[in-house]
Amino acid sequence: MFSHIVIFWTDSNQPHAADKLLAGAVKYLKGIPGVLQFHAGKMVPSHRAVVDQSYQVALNLVFADKAAQDAYQTHPQHLEFVEKVFKPLCTKVLVYDFE
């Protein structure tokens, strides 16, 4: 298995950016071939100091292997998501990939 976790910081000048980002992820990313598991959601506040609460949205995708994730990266729907959703709504992103 290959996990692709993306942490998004949305533009604070756009009050509905997190909701739009989540809707865009479902629209463009969920159905891309090779995505075995799709989970996207908003940051959940925590009383624990160890929990990062600086971001607004996270995406967790699981693929069979790195090759499937590589194909996802160049898929037209992913590229459209980046241009139409991510770039207009986000100020920062952090990615964690692991096997």
N, C-alpha and C. Protein backbone atom coordinates (compact mmCIF):
# COMPACT_ATOMS: atom_id res chain seq x y z
N MET A 1 0.83 -1.19 0.00
CA MET A 1 0.00 0.00 0.00
C MET A 1 0.87 1.24 0.00
N PHE A 2 0.30 2.31 -0.53
CA PHE A 2 0.99 3.60 -0.58
C PHE A 2 0.01 4.66 -0.10
N SER A 3 0.38 5.39 0.94
CA SER A 3 -0.47 6.46 1.48
C SER A 3 0.05 7.81 1.04
N HIS A 4 -0.89 8.66 0.66
CA HIS A 4 -0.61 10.03 0.22
C HIS A 4 -1.47 10.95 1.08
N ILE A 5 -0.83 11.64 2.02
CA ILE A 5 -1.54 12.53 2.93
C ILE A 5 -1.17 13.96 2.58
N VAL A 6 -2.20 14.79 2.41
CA VAL A 6 -1.99 16.19 2.05
C VAL A 6 -2.68 17.07 3.09
N ILE A 7 -1.93 18.01 3.64
CA ILE A 7 -2.44 18.95 4.63
C ILE A 7 -2.53 20.32 3.96
N PHE A 8 -3.71 20.94 4.05
CA PHE A 8 -3.97 22.21 3.36
C PHE A 8 -4.22 23.35 4.36
N TRP A 9 -3.62 24.48 4.08
CA TRP A 9 -3.93 25.72 4.77
C TRP A 9 -4.67 26.60 3.76
N THR A 10 -5.89 26.95 4.09
CA THR A 10 -6.71 27.73 3.16
C THR A 10 -6.53 29.23 3.41
N ASP A 11 -6.90 30.00 2.42
CA ASP A 11 -6.80 31.46 2.46
C ASP A 11 -7.80 32.01 3.47
N SER A 12 -7.31 32.65 4.53
CA SER A 12 -8.19 33.18 5.58
C SER A 12 -9.09 34.31 5.08
N ASN A 13 -8.78 34.89 3.94
CA ASN A 13 -9.62 35.93 3.36
C ASN A 13 -10.83 35.36 2.62
N GLN A 14 -10.90 34.04 2.52
CA GLN A 14 -12.02 33.37 1.86
C GLN A 14 -12.72 32.49 2.91
N PRO A 15 -13.79 33.01 3.51
CA PRO A 15 -14.42 32.32 4.63
C PRO A 15 -14.95 30.91 4.34
N HIS A 16 -15.27 30.60 3.11
CA HIS A 16 -15.80 29.27 2.77
C HIS A 16 -14.79 28.40 2.02
N ALA A 17 -13.52 28.77 2.12
CA ALA A 17 -12.47 28.07 1.37
C ALA A 17 -12.39 26.59 1.74
N ALA A 18 -12.50 26.25 3.01
CA ALA A 18 -12.39 24.85 3.42
C ALA A 18 -13.52 24.02 2.81
N ASP A 19 -14.73 24.54 2.83
CA ASP A 19 -15.86 23.81 2.25
C ASP A 19 -15.70 23.65 0.74
N LYS A 20 -15.23 24.69 0.08
CA LYS A 20 -15.01 24.62 -1.37
C LYS A 20 -13.89 23.64 -1.71
N LEU A 21 -12.85 23.61 -0.88
CA LEU A 21 -11.74 22.68 -1.10
C LEU A 21 -12.22 21.24 -0.97
N LEU A 22 -13.01 20.97 0.06
CA LEU A 22 -13.54 19.62 0.25
C LEU A 22 -14.45 19.21 -0.91
N ALA A 23 -15.31 20.11 -1.33
CA ALA A 23 -16.21 19.80 -2.46
C ALA A 23 -15.39 19.54 -3.72
N GLY A 24 -14.34 20.32 -3.94
CA GLY A 24 -13.49 20.13 -5.11
C GLY A 24 -12.73 18.82 -5.06
N ALA A 25 -12.30 18.42 -3.88
CA ALA A 25 -11.59 17.15 -3.75
C ALA A 25 -12.50 15.99 -4.10
N VAL A 26 -13.73 16.03 -3.63
CA VAL A 26 -14.69 14.98 -3.96
C VAL A 26 -14.97 14.97 -5.47
N LYS A 27 -15.19 16.16 -6.01
CA LYS A 27 -15.52 16.27 -7.44
C LYS A 27 -14.40 15.78 -8.35
N TYR A 28 -13.17 16.20 -8.07
CA TYR A 28 -12.07 15.94 -8.99
C TYR A 28 -11.21 14.72 -8.63
N LEU A 29 -11.05 14.42 -7.36
CA LEU A 29 -10.06 13.42 -6.95
C LEU A 29 -10.62 12.05 -6.60
N LYS A 30 -11.79 12.01 -6.01
CA LYS A 30 -12.32 10.76 -5.48
C LYS A 30 -12.44 9.65 -6.53
N GLY A 31 -12.82 10.00 -7.74
CA GLY A 31 -13.05 9.00 -8.77
C GLY A 31 -11.87 8.68 -9.67
N ILE A 32 -10.70 9.22 -9.37
CA ILE A 32 -9.53 8.95 -10.21
C ILE A 32 -9.14 7.48 -10.08
N PRO A 33 -8.92 6.81 -11.20
CA PRO A 33 -8.51 5.40 -11.15
C PRO A 33 -7.26 5.21 -10.30
N GLY A 34 -7.26 4.15 -9.51
CA GLY A 34 -6.13 3.84 -8.66
C GLY A 34 -6.32 4.26 -7.21
N VAL A 35 -7.27 5.15 -6.95
CA VAL A 35 -7.55 5.57 -5.57
C VAL A 35 -8.36 4.46 -4.90
N LEU A 36 -7.74 3.77 -3.95
CA LEU A 36 -8.41 2.68 -3.24
C LEU A 36 -9.24 3.20 -2.07
N GLN A 37 -8.71 4.21 -1.38
CA GLN A 37 -9.42 4.83 -0.26
C GLN A 37 -9.28 6.33 -0.38
N PHE A 38 -10.39 7.02 -0.13
CA PHE A 38 -10.45 8.48 -0.18
C PHE A 38 -11.05 8.96 1.12
N HIS A 39 -10.34 9.83 1.82
CA HIS A 39 -10.87 10.44 3.03
C HIS A 39 -10.38 11.87 3.08
N ALA A 40 -11.32 12.81 3.13
CA ALA A 40 -10.99 14.23 3.24
C ALA A 40 -11.88 14.84 4.31
N GLY A 41 -11.32 15.77 5.07
CA GLY A 41 -12.12 16.40 6.11
C GLY A 41 -11.42 17.61 6.71
N LYS A 42 -12.19 18.31 7.54
CA LYS A 42 -11.68 19.50 8.23
C LYS A 42 -10.93 19.09 9.48
N MET A 43 -9.99 19.95 9.88
CA MET A 43 -9.23 19.76 11.10
C MET A 43 -10.21 19.71 12.28
N VAL A 44 -9.96 18.79 13.19
CA VAL A 44 -10.78 18.66 14.39
C VAL A 44 -10.01 19.25 15.57
N PRO A 45 -10.57 20.27 16.23
CA PRO A 45 -9.88 20.86 17.39
C PRO A 45 -9.62 19.82 18.49
N SER A 46 -8.52 20.01 19.20
CA SER A 46 -8.13 19.07 20.24
C SER A 46 -7.57 19.84 21.44
N HIS A 47 -7.75 19.30 22.61
CA HIS A 47 -7.16 19.88 23.82
C HIS A 47 -5.70 19.46 23.98
N ARG A 48 -5.24 18.51 23.14
CA ARG A 48 -3.88 17.99 23.23
C ARG A 48 -2.90 18.89 22.49
N ALA A 49 -1.88 19.34 23.18
CA ALA A 49 -0.89 20.26 22.59
C ALA A 49 -0.12 19.63 21.43
N VAL A 50 -0.01 18.31 21.41
CA VAL A 50 0.75 17.62 20.37
C VAL A 50 0.01 17.61 19.02
N VAL A 51 -1.27 17.90 19.01
CA VAL A 51 -2.07 17.87 17.79
C VAL A 51 -1.96 19.20 17.06
N ASP A 52 -1.48 19.16 15.82
CA ASP A 52 -1.37 20.37 15.00
C ASP A 52 -2.77 20.86 14.65
N GLN A 53 -3.05 22.11 14.99
CA GLN A 53 -4.36 22.69 14.72
C GLN A 53 -4.25 23.93 13.85
N SER A 54 -3.16 24.03 13.11
CA SER A 54 -2.92 25.24 12.31
C SER A 54 -3.50 25.13 10.90
N TYR A 55 -3.85 23.94 10.46
CA TYR A 55 -4.36 23.74 9.10
C TYR A 55 -5.88 23.70 9.11
N GLN A 56 -6.49 23.67 7.92
CA GLN A 56 -7.95 23.64 7.84
C GLN A 56 -8.50 22.33 7.27
N VAL A 57 -7.79 21.72 6.31
CA VAL A 57 -8.31 20.53 5.62
C VAL A 57 -7.18 19.53 5.44
N ALA A 58 -7.53 18.24 5.53
CA ALA A 58 -6.58 17.17 5.25
C ALA A 58 -7.19 16.18 4.27
N LEU A 59 -6.33 15.58 3.48
CA LEU A 59 -6.73 14.58 2.49
C LEU A 59 -5.86 13.35 2.70
N ASN A 60 -6.49 12.18 2.74
CA ASN A 60 -5.76 10.93 2.91
C ASN A 60 -6.20 9.98 1.80
N LEU A 61 -5.28 9.68 0.89
CA LEU A 61 -5.55 8.76 -0.21
C LEU A 61 -4.66 7.54 -0.08
N VAL A 62 -5.22 6.38 -0.39
CA VAL A 62 -4.46 5.14 -0.36
C VAL A 62 -4.48 4.53 -1.76
N PHE A 63 -3.30 4.10 -2.21
CA PHE A 63 -3.11 3.48 -3.52
C PHE A 63 -2.51 2.10 -3.31
N ALA A 64 -2.57 1.26 -4.31
CA ALA A 64 -1.97 -0.08 -4.22
C ALA A 64 -0.45 0.01 -4.10
N ASP A 65 0.14 0.99 -4.81
CA ASP A 65 1.59 1.12 -4.81
C ASP A 65 1.98 2.51 -5.31
N LYS A 66 3.28 2.80 -5.30
CA LYS A 66 3.78 4.11 -5.72
C LYS A 66 3.46 4.39 -7.18
N ALA A 67 3.49 3.38 -8.02
CA ALA A 67 3.18 3.58 -9.44
C ALA A 67 1.76 4.10 -9.63
N ALA A 68 0.83 3.59 -8.86
CA ALA A 68 -0.56 4.07 -8.95
C ALA A 68 -0.66 5.52 -8.50
N GLN A 69 0.08 5.88 -7.46
CA GLN A 69 0.09 7.27 -7.00
C GLN A 69 0.76 8.17 -8.01
N ASP A 70 1.81 7.71 -8.66
CA ASP A 70 2.48 8.49 -9.70
C ASP A 70 1.51 8.76 -10.86
N ALA A 71 0.72 7.77 -11.23
CA ALA A 71 -0.26 7.95 -12.31
C ALA A 71 -1.33 8.95 -11.90
N TYR A 72 -1.74 8.91 -10.65
CA TYR A 72 -2.72 9.87 -10.11
C TYR A 72 -2.20 11.30 -10.23
N GLN A 73 -0.92 11.50 -9.95
CA GLN A 73 -0.34 12.85 -9.97
C GLN A 73 -0.46 13.52 -11.34
N THR A 74 -0.43 12.73 -12.40
CA THR A 74 -0.49 13.30 -13.75
C THR A 74 -1.86 13.14 -14.40
N HIS A 75 -2.82 12.59 -13.67
CA HIS A 75 -4.17 12.41 -14.21
C HIS A 75 -4.80 13.79 -14.45
N PRO A 76 -5.51 13.96 -15.56
CA PRO A 76 -6.12 15.27 -15.88
C PRO A 76 -7.03 15.83 -14.78
N GLN A 77 -7.75 14.97 -14.09
CA GLN A 77 -8.63 15.47 -13.02
C GLN A 77 -7.82 16.00 -11.84
N HIS A 78 -6.69 15.38 -11.53
CA HIS A 78 -5.83 15.90 -10.46
C HIS A 78 -5.25 17.25 -10.87
N LEU A 79 -4.80 17.35 -12.10
CA LEU A 79 -4.24 18.60 -12.58
C LEU A 79 -5.29 19.71 -12.59
N GLU A 80 -6.53 19.36 -12.93
CA GLU A 80 -7.63 20.32 -12.91
C GLU A 80 -7.93 20.77 -11.48
N PHE A 81 -7.91 19.83 -10.54
CA PHE A 81 -8.09 20.17 -9.12
C PHE A 81 -7.04 21.18 -8.66
N VAL A 82 -5.79 20.93 -9.02
CA VAL A 82 -4.70 21.83 -8.62
C VAL A 82 -4.95 23.24 -9.15
N GLU A 83 -5.32 23.35 -10.40
CA GLU A 83 -5.51 24.68 -11.02
C GLU A 83 -6.79 25.38 -10.58
N LYS A 84 -7.89 24.64 -10.54
CA LYS A 84 -9.20 25.26 -10.29
C LYS A 84 -9.60 25.35 -8.82
N VAL A 85 -9.02 24.49 -7.99
CA VAL A 85 -9.44 24.44 -6.59
C VAL A 85 -8.29 24.79 -5.64
N PHE A 86 -7.22 24.01 -5.72
CA PHE A 86 -6.11 24.21 -4.79
C PHE A 86 -5.49 25.61 -4.89
N LYS A 87 -5.04 25.99 -6.06
CA LYS A 87 -4.33 27.27 -6.20
C LYS A 87 -5.18 28.48 -5.80
N PRO A 88 -6.47 28.55 -6.17
CA PRO A 88 -7.26 29.71 -5.77
C PRO A 88 -7.61 29.76 -4.27
N LEU A 89 -7.58 28.61 -3.59
CA LEU A 89 -8.09 28.57 -2.22
C LEU A 89 -7.04 28.40 -1.14
N CYS A 90 -5.84 27.95 -1.49
CA CYS A 90 -4.86 27.57 -0.47
C CYS A 90 -3.63 28.47 -0.48
N THR A 91 -3.06 28.62 0.71
CA THR A 91 -1.84 29.42 0.86
C THR A 91 -0.62 28.54 1.15
N LYS A 92 -0.87 27.29 1.57
CA LYS A 92 0.23 26.39 1.92
C LYS A 92 -0.27 24.96 1.83
N VAL A 93 0.64 24.05 1.54
CA VAL A 93 0.33 22.62 1.51
C VAL A 93 1.54 21.85 2.02
N LEU A 94 1.27 20.74 2.67
CA LEU A 94 2.32 19.85 3.14
C LEU A 94 1.90 18.45 2.78
N VAL A 95 2.82 17.66 2.21
CA VAL A 95 2.50 16.32 1.75
C VAL A 95 3.35 15.29 2.47
N TYR A 96 2.72 14.20 2.87
CA TYR A 96 3.42 13.05 3.45
C TYR A 96 3.08 11.84 2.62
N ASP A 97 4.09 11.21 2.03
CA ASP A 97 3.91 9.97 1.27
C ASP A 97 4.69 8.88 1.98
N PHE A 98 4.06 7.71 2.13
CA PHE A 98 4.77 6.58 2.74
C PHE A 98 4.17 5.26 2.30
N GLU A 99 5.02 4.24 2.36
CA GLU A 99 4.60 2.88 2.02
C GLU A 99 4.31 2.12 3.30
